[in-house]
Amino acid sequence: MEITREDVIRFIEKASDEMNENKDYLIELDANSGDGDLGLTMSKGFNAAKEKALSSEETDLGKLFFAIGSAIAAAVPSTMGTLMGSGMLGAAKALKGKESLDAAGFAAFAKGYYDGVQKRGKANPGERTLLDSLKPASDAAQAAADAGCDDKKEIAQKAYDAACVGVEATKDMAPVYGKAFVHREKLHGVPDQGAIVGSLLYKAWVEAL
């Protein structure tokens, strides 16, 4: 199994496509519990990530993800933009010096991304946030790597499937932060929009691989 630099570039392109295609859906969900700008933020942020990835000649994947994360954070310095950028920076730290990824490397990306978001946002799984899809995805990637998975699409699919389960679980979670907490009564049965963004990230990996 080898995830190449070209696969990573394609992943960022697919992530940009997913954020653009789901922009209106994310806006609709966010309007119920936030500012209603999540779709625009993710679309703009990942368009910037795509531009950076396509223009970069960096072969060190750690440095490439650092550049991508910095581009997202600069393009959309909102809460969610900062968190998504921080995830990329966390992945960058975990992948420093790597020019390709095996199963353990993909698991390191997933954990690094989760750790970057968690450290920046200070939230925890179970609080109806982005982490509720990122943590299951990271755990699934690590489990697949530990089990000897040698198929890059399979490990990505396992991570995506786990992220989707995480999204479903948020329907029964009570929000504890921000405007979502204020509107918590009407959010029962509705998936968290941040968790959906996390699942789209892993959907992009499946499509890229």
C-alpha atoms as a PDB file:
ATOM      1  CA  MET A   1       0.000   0.000   0.000  1.00  0.00           C
ATOM      2  CA  GLU A   2       1.309   3.435  -0.926  1.00  0.00           C
ATOM      3  CA  ILE A   3      -0.487   6.751  -0.888  1.00  0.00           C
ATOM      4  CA  THR A   4       1.549   9.039  -3.097  1.00  0.00           C
ATOM      5  CA  ARG A   5       1.932  12.796  -3.293  1.00  0.00           C
ATOM      6  CA  GLU A   6      -0.372  12.685  -6.344  1.00  0.00           C
ATOM      7  CA  ASP A   7      -3.018  10.924  -4.244  1.00  0.00           C
ATOM      8  CA  VAL A   8      -2.756  13.675  -1.622  1.00  0.00           C
ATOM      9  CA  ILE A   9      -3.176  16.390  -4.263  1.00  0.00           C
ATOM     10  CA  ARG A  10      -6.198  14.541  -5.622  1.00  0.00           C
ATOM     11  CA  PHE A  11      -7.590  14.254  -2.083  1.00  0.00           C
ATOM     12  CA  ILE A  12      -7.459  18.029  -1.665  1.00  0.00           C
ATOM     13  CA  GLU A  13      -9.113  18.501  -5.061  1.00  0.00           C
ATOM     14  CA  LYS A  14     -11.909  16.089  -4.100  1.00  0.00           C
ATOM     15  CA  ALA A  15     -12.311  17.773  -0.704  1.00  0.00           C
ATOM     16  CA  SER A  16     -12.760  21.096  -2.478  1.00  0.00           C
ATOM     17  CA  ASP A  17     -15.347  19.512  -4.787  1.00  0.00           C
ATOM     18  CA  GLU A  18     -17.257  18.040  -1.832  1.00  0.00           C
ATOM     19  CA  MET A  19     -17.347  21.343   0.070  1.00  0.00           C
ATOM     20  CA  ASN A  20     -18.580  23.149  -3.032  1.00  0.00           C
ATOM     21  CA  GLU A  21     -21.235  20.523  -3.799  1.00  0.00           C
ATOM     22  CA  ASN A  22     -22.509  20.504  -0.206  1.00  0.00           C
ATOM     23  CA  LYS A  23     -22.282  24.260   0.335  1.00  0.00           C
ATOM     24  CA  ASP A  24     -26.027  24.917   0.345  1.00  0.00           C
ATOM     25  CA  TYR A  25     -26.743  21.915   2.576  1.00  0.00           C
ATOM     26  CA  LEU A  26     -24.169  23.069   5.110  1.00  0.00           C
ATOM     27  CA  ILE A  27     -25.558  26.601   5.006  1.00  0.00           C
ATOM     28  CA  GLU A  28     -29.052  25.251   5.686  1.00  0.00           C
ATOM     29  CA  LEU A  29     -27.937  23.152   8.639  1.00  0.00           C
ATOM     30  CA  ASP A  30     -25.761  25.910  10.061  1.00  0.00           C
ATOM     31  CA  ALA A  31     -28.606  28.408   9.870  1.00  0.00           C
ATOM     32  CA  ASN A  32     -30.486  26.319  12.434  1.00  0.00           C
ATOM     33  CA  SER A  33     -27.762  26.499  15.049  1.00  0.00           C
ATOM     34  CA  GLY A  34     -25.086  28.946  13.961  1.00  0.00           C
ATOM     35  CA  ASP A  35     -24.391  31.851  11.673  1.00  0.00           C
ATOM     36  CA  GLY A  36     -25.408  30.091   8.477  1.00  0.00           C
ATOM     37  CA  ASP A  37     -22.029  30.664   6.871  1.00  0.00           C
ATOM     38  CA  LEU A  38     -20.447  27.217   7.245  1.00  0.00           C
ATOM     39  CA  GLY A  39     -20.985  26.218   3.619  1.00  0.00           C
ATOM     40  CA  LEU A  40     -19.398  29.410   2.350  1.00  0.00           C
ATOM     41  CA  THR A  41     -16.513  29.078   4.797  1.00  0.00           C
ATOM     42  CA  MET A  42     -15.707  25.501   3.828  1.00  0.00           C
ATOM     43  CA  SER A  43     -16.060  26.195   0.110  1.00  0.00           C
ATOM     44  CA  LYS A  44     -13.737  29.185   0.264  1.00  0.00           C
ATOM     45  CA  GLY A  45     -11.265  27.480   2.585  1.00  0.00           C
ATOM     46  CA  PHE A  46     -10.891  24.330   0.522  1.00  0.00           C
ATOM     47  CA  ASN A  47     -10.758  26.246  -2.734  1.00  0.00           C
ATOM     48  CA  ALA A  48      -7.729  27.989  -1.230  1.00  0.00           C
ATOM     49  CA  ALA A  49      -6.350  24.610  -0.164  1.00  0.00           C
ATOM     50  CA  LYS A  50      -6.755  23.302  -3.702  1.00  0.00           C
ATOM     51  CA  GLU A  51      -4.964  26.294  -5.199  1.00  0.00           C
ATOM     52  CA  LYS A  52      -2.076  25.858  -2.765  1.00  0.00           C
ATOM     53  CA  ALA A  53      -1.829  22.110  -3.369  1.00  0.00           C
ATOM     54  CA  LEU A  54      -1.840  22.457  -7.143  1.00  0.00           C
ATOM     55  CA  SER A  55       0.763  25.205  -7.138  1.00  0.00           C
ATOM     56  CA  SER A  56       3.116  23.515  -4.679  1.00  0.00           C
ATOM     57  CA  GLU A  57       6.154  21.501  -5.728  1.00  0.00           C
ATOM     58  CA  GLU A  58       6.758  20.243  -2.178  1.00  0.00           C
ATOM     59  CA  THR A  59       7.460  16.517  -1.954  1.00  0.00           C
ATOM     60  CA  ASP A  60       7.578  16.291   1.856  1.00  0.00           C
ATOM     61  CA  LEU A  61       3.959  15.526   2.727  1.00  0.00           C
ATOM     62  CA  GLY A  62       4.340  17.081   6.151  1.00  0.00           C
ATOM     63  CA  LYS A  63       5.418  20.370   4.602  1.00  0.00           C
ATOM     64  CA  LEU A  64       2.699  20.074   1.949  1.00  0.00           C
ATOM     65  CA  PHE A  65      -0.042  19.649   4.563  1.00  0.00           C
ATOM     66  CA  PHE A  66       1.452  22.543   6.531  1.00  0.00           C
ATOM     67  CA  ALA A  67       1.129  24.779   3.472  1.00  0.00           C
ATOM     68  CA  ILE A  68      -2.429  23.575   2.862  1.00  0.00           C
ATOM     69  CA  GLY A  69      -3.453  24.131   6.476  1.00  0.00           C
ATOM     70  CA  SER A  70      -1.938  27.603   6.476  1.00  0.00           C
ATOM     71  CA  ALA A  71      -3.837  28.431   3.275  1.00  0.00           C
ATOM     72  CA  ILE A  72      -7.163  27.386   4.806  1.00  0.00           C
ATOM     73  CA  ALA A  73      -6.556  29.342   8.004  1.00  0.00           C
ATOM     74  CA  ALA A  74      -5.573  32.454   6.050  1.00  0.00           C
ATOM     75  CA  ALA A  75      -8.521  32.248   3.639  1.00  0.00           C
ATOM     76  CA  VAL A  76     -11.191  31.690   6.300  1.00  0.00           C
ATOM     77  CA  PRO A  77     -10.035  32.882   9.750  1.00  0.00           C
ATOM     78  CA  SER A  78     -13.380  31.964  11.331  1.00  0.00           C
ATOM     79  CA  THR A  79     -13.805  29.361  14.054  1.00  0.00           C
ATOM     80  CA  MET A  80     -14.419  26.452  11.692  1.00  0.00           C
ATOM     81  CA  GLY A  81     -11.851  27.629   9.179  1.00  0.00           C
ATOM     82  CA  THR A  82      -9.262  27.812  11.935  1.00  0.00           C
ATOM     83  CA  LEU A  83     -10.190  24.324  13.154  1.00  0.00           C
ATOM     84  CA  MET A  84      -9.937  22.761   9.706  1.00  0.00           C
ATOM     85  CA  GLY A  85      -6.636  24.500   9.137  1.00  0.00           C
ATOM     86  CA  SER A  86      -5.423  23.307  12.535  1.00  0.00           C
ATOM     87  CA  GLY A  87      -6.326  19.745  11.563  1.00  0.00           C
ATOM     88  CA  MET A  88      -4.103  20.010   8.497  1.00  0.00           C
ATOM     89  CA  LEU A  89      -1.295  21.424  10.642  1.00  0.00           C
ATOM     90  CA  GLY A  90      -1.706  18.524  13.065  1.00  0.00           C
ATOM     91  CA  ALA A  91      -1.464  16.097  10.159  1.00  0.00           C
ATOM     92  CA  ALA A  92       1.600  17.989   8.917  1.00  0.00           C
ATOM     93  CA  LYS A  93       3.361  17.477  12.225  1.00  0.00           C
ATOM     94  CA  ALA A  94       2.573  13.762  12.185  1.00  0.00           C
ATOM     95  CA  LEU A  95       3.793  13.282   8.605  1.00  0.00           C
ATOM     96  CA  LYS A  96       6.967  15.361   8.664  1.00  0.00           C
ATOM     97  CA  GLY A  97       9.582  13.903   6.339  1.00  0.00           C
ATOM     98  CA  LYS A  98       7.261  11.416   4.624  1.00  0.00           C
ATOM     99  CA  GLU A  99       7.021  11.371   0.825  1.00  0.00           C
ATOM    100  CA  SER A 100       4.367   8.631   0.727  1.00  0.00           C
ATOM    101  CA  LEU A 101       2.051   6.932   3.208  1.00  0.00           C
ATOM    102  CA  ASP A 102       1.491   3.311   4.097  1.00  0.00           C
ATOM    103  CA  ALA A 103      -1.437   2.179   6.274  1.00  0.00           C
ATOM    104  CA  ALA A 104       0.309   3.409   9.419  1.00  0.00           C
ATOM    105  CA  GLY A 105       0.944   6.716   7.680  1.00  0.00           C
ATOM    106  CA  PHE A 106      -2.718   7.125   6.788  1.00  0.00           C
ATOM    107  CA  ALA A 107      -3.632   6.367  10.404  1.00  0.00           C
ATOM    108  CA  ALA A 108      -1.061   8.976  11.458  1.00  0.00           C
ATOM    109  CA  PHE A 109      -2.749  11.512   9.163  1.00  0.00           C
ATOM    110  CA  ALA A 110      -6.145  10.744  10.728  1.00  0.00           C
ATOM    111  CA  LYS A 111      -4.881  10.963  14.294  1.00  0.00           C
ATOM    112  CA  GLY A 112      -2.808  14.047  13.549  1.00  0.00           C
ATOM    113  CA  TYR A 113      -5.816  15.769  12.017  1.00  0.00           C
ATOM    114  CA  TYR A 114      -7.992  14.881  15.001  1.00  0.00           C
ATOM    115  CA  ASP A 115      -5.329  15.964  17.470  1.00  0.00           C
ATOM    116  CA  GLY A 116      -4.845  19.280  15.675  1.00  0.00           C
ATOM    117  CA  VAL A 117      -8.547  20.090  15.831  1.00  0.00           C
ATOM    118  CA  GLN A 118      -8.979  18.887  19.411  1.00  0.00           C
ATOM    119  CA  LYS A 119      -5.992  20.830  20.700  1.00  0.00           C
ATOM    120  CA  ARG A 120      -7.155  24.032  19.042  1.00  0.00           C
ATOM    121  CA  GLY A 121     -10.860  23.742  19.839  1.00  0.00           C
ATOM    122  CA  LYS A 122     -10.574  22.211  23.335  1.00  0.00           C
ATOM    123  CA  ALA A 123     -13.771  20.191  22.814  1.00  0.00           C
ATOM    124  CA  ASN A 124     -14.194  16.441  23.335  1.00  0.00           C
ATOM    125  CA  PRO A 125     -16.029  13.659  21.497  1.00  0.00           C
ATOM    126  CA  GLY A 126     -19.657  13.399  22.548  1.00  0.00           C
ATOM    127  CA  GLU A 127     -20.232  17.155  22.604  1.00  0.00           C
ATOM    128  CA  ARG A 128     -21.760  17.360  19.116  1.00  0.00           C
ATOM    129  CA  THR A 129     -18.869  18.818  17.156  1.00  0.00           C
ATOM    130  CA  LEU A 130     -16.533  18.077  14.280  1.00  0.00           C
ATOM    131  CA  LEU A 131     -14.654  15.710  16.575  1.00  0.00           C
ATOM    132  CA  ASP A 132     -17.582  13.288  16.582  1.00  0.00           C
ATOM    133  CA  SER A 133     -16.756  12.227  13.033  1.00  0.00           C
ATOM    134  CA  LEU A 134     -12.988  12.742  13.153  1.00  0.00           C
ATOM    135  CA  LYS A 135     -12.426  10.496  16.207  1.00  0.00           C
ATOM    136  CA  PRO A 136     -14.272   7.435  14.844  1.00  0.00           C
ATOM    137  CA  ALA A 137     -12.484   7.873  11.513  1.00  0.00           C
ATOM    138  CA  SER A 138      -9.115   8.030  13.245  1.00  0.00           C
ATOM    139  CA  ASP A 139      -9.891   4.986  15.380  1.00  0.00           C
ATOM    140  CA  ALA A 140     -11.045   3.003  12.340  1.00  0.00           C
ATOM    141  CA  ALA A 141      -7.928   3.902  10.361  1.00  0.00           C
ATOM    142  CA  GLN A 142      -5.703   2.828  13.247  1.00  0.00           C
ATOM    143  CA  ALA A 143      -7.620  -0.433  13.673  1.00  0.00           C
ATOM    144  CA  ALA A 144      -7.293  -1.193   9.966  1.00  0.00           C
ATOM    145  CA  ALA A 145      -3.569  -0.453  10.029  1.00  0.00           C
ATOM    146  CA  ASP A 146      -3.112  -2.624  13.129  1.00  0.00           C
ATOM    147  CA  ALA A 147      -4.977  -5.447  11.383  1.00  0.00           C
ATOM    148  CA  GLY A 148      -2.546  -5.329   8.464  1.00  0.00           C
ATOM    149  CA  CYS A 149      -4.746  -3.605   5.894  1.00  0.00           C
ATOM    150  CA  ASP A 150      -2.726  -3.175   2.709  1.00  0.00           C
ATOM    151  CA  ASP A 151      -5.339  -1.580   0.463  1.00  0.00           C
ATOM    152  CA  LYS A 152      -5.386   2.203   0.504  1.00  0.00           C
ATOM    153  CA  LYS A 153      -8.971   2.532  -0.679  1.00  0.00           C
ATOM    154  CA  GLU A 154     -10.147  -0.014   1.889  1.00  0.00           C
ATOM    155  CA  ILE A 155      -8.572   1.849   4.799  1.00  0.00           C
ATOM    156  CA  ALA A 156     -10.036   5.132   3.536  1.00  0.00           C
ATOM    157  CA  GLN A 157     -13.458   3.501   3.180  1.00  0.00           C
ATOM    158  CA  LYS A 158     -13.312   2.167   6.730  1.00  0.00           C
ATOM    159  CA  ALA A 159     -12.443   5.634   8.010  1.00  0.00           C
ATOM    160  CA  TYR A 160     -15.276   7.211   6.001  1.00  0.00           C
ATOM    161  CA  ASP A 161     -17.823   4.630   7.130  1.00  0.00           C
ATOM    162  CA  ALA A 162     -16.850   5.247  10.763  1.00  0.00           C
ATOM    163  CA  ALA A 163     -17.108   9.008  10.247  1.00  0.00           C
ATOM    164  CA  CYS A 164     -20.649   8.553   8.892  1.00  0.00           C
ATOM    165  CA  VAL A 165     -21.596   6.496  11.952  1.00  0.00           C
ATOM    166  CA  GLY A 166     -20.233   9.354  14.032  1.00  0.00           C
ATOM    167  CA  VAL A 167     -22.394  11.841  12.159  1.00  0.00           C
ATOM    168  CA  GLU A 168     -25.492   9.747  12.848  1.00  0.00           C
ATOM    169  CA  ALA A 169     -24.619   9.608  16.544  1.00  0.00           C
ATOM    170  CA  THR A 170     -24.670  13.406  16.780  1.00  0.00           C
ATOM    171  CA  LYS A 171     -28.413  13.372  16.152  1.00  0.00           C
ATOM    172  CA  ASP A 172     -28.872  12.261  19.761  1.00  0.00           C
ATOM    173  CA  MET A 173     -26.215  14.507  21.275  1.00  0.00           C
ATOM    174  CA  ALA A 174     -26.901  17.741  23.111  1.00  0.00           C
ATOM    175  CA  PRO A 175     -24.703  20.653  21.988  1.00  0.00           C
ATOM    176  CA  VAL A 176     -22.697  22.411  24.671  1.00  0.00           C
ATOM    177  CA  TYR A 177     -21.077  25.254  22.746  1.00  0.00           C
ATOM    178  CA  GLY A 178     -22.104  28.534  21.139  1.00  0.00           C
ATOM    179  CA  LYS A 179     -25.337  29.210  19.349  1.00  0.00           C
ATOM    180  CA  ALA A 180     -26.028  25.502  18.994  1.00  0.00           C
ATOM    181  CA  PHE A 181     -26.468  25.328  22.766  1.00  0.00           C
ATOM    182  CA  VAL A 182     -29.053  28.112  22.610  1.00  0.00           C
ATOM    183  CA  HIS A 183     -31.003  26.264  19.900  1.00  0.00           C
ATOM    184  CA  ARG A 184     -30.463  22.791  21.369  1.00  0.00           C
ATOM    185  CA  GLU A 185     -34.173  21.971  21.716  1.00  0.00           C
ATOM    186  CA  LYS A 186     -34.770  21.979  17.962  1.00  0.00           C
ATOM    187  CA  LEU A 187     -31.602  20.078  17.065  1.00  0.00           C
ATOM    188  CA  HIS A 188     -32.625  16.642  18.340  1.00  0.00           C
ATOM    189  CA  GLY A 189     -32.645  14.261  15.392  1.00  0.00           C
ATOM    190  CA  VAL A 190     -30.593  16.626  13.224  1.00  0.00           C
ATOM    191  CA  PRO A 191     -26.959  15.775  12.446  1.00  0.00           C
ATOM    192  CA  ASP A 192     -24.230  18.185  13.471  1.00  0.00           C
ATOM    193  CA  GLN A 193     -23.011  20.207  10.530  1.00  0.00           C
ATOM    194  CA  GLY A 194     -19.420  20.201  11.751  1.00  0.00           C
ATOM    195  CA  ALA A 195     -19.399  16.418  11.982  1.00  0.00           C
ATOM    196  CA  ILE A 196     -20.709  16.302   8.416  1.00  0.00           C
ATOM    197  CA  VAL A 197     -17.752  18.397   7.285  1.00  0.00           C
ATOM    198  CA  GLY A 198     -15.451  15.849   8.929  1.00  0.00           C
ATOM    199  CA  SER A 199     -17.154  13.000   7.093  1.00  0.00           C
ATOM    200  CA  LEU A 200     -16.819  14.842   3.771  1.00  0.00           C
ATOM    201  CA  LEU A 201     -13.089  14.984   4.353  1.00  0.00           C
ATOM    202  CA  TYR A 202     -12.927  11.185   4.441  1.00  0.00           C
ATOM    203  CA  LYS A 203     -15.361  10.846   1.564  1.00  0.00           C
ATOM    204  CA  ALA A 204     -12.825  12.878  -0.413  1.00  0.00           C
ATOM    205  CA  TRP A 205     -10.103  10.387   0.521  1.00  0.00           C
ATOM    206  CA  VAL A 206     -12.233   7.507  -0.788  1.00  0.00           C
ATOM    207  CA  GLU A 207     -12.877   9.354  -4.040  1.00  0.00           C
ATOM    208  CA  ALA A 208      -9.205  10.275  -4.412  1.00  0.00           C
ATOM    209  CA  LEU A 209      -7.973   6.711  -3.900  1.00  0.00           C
END
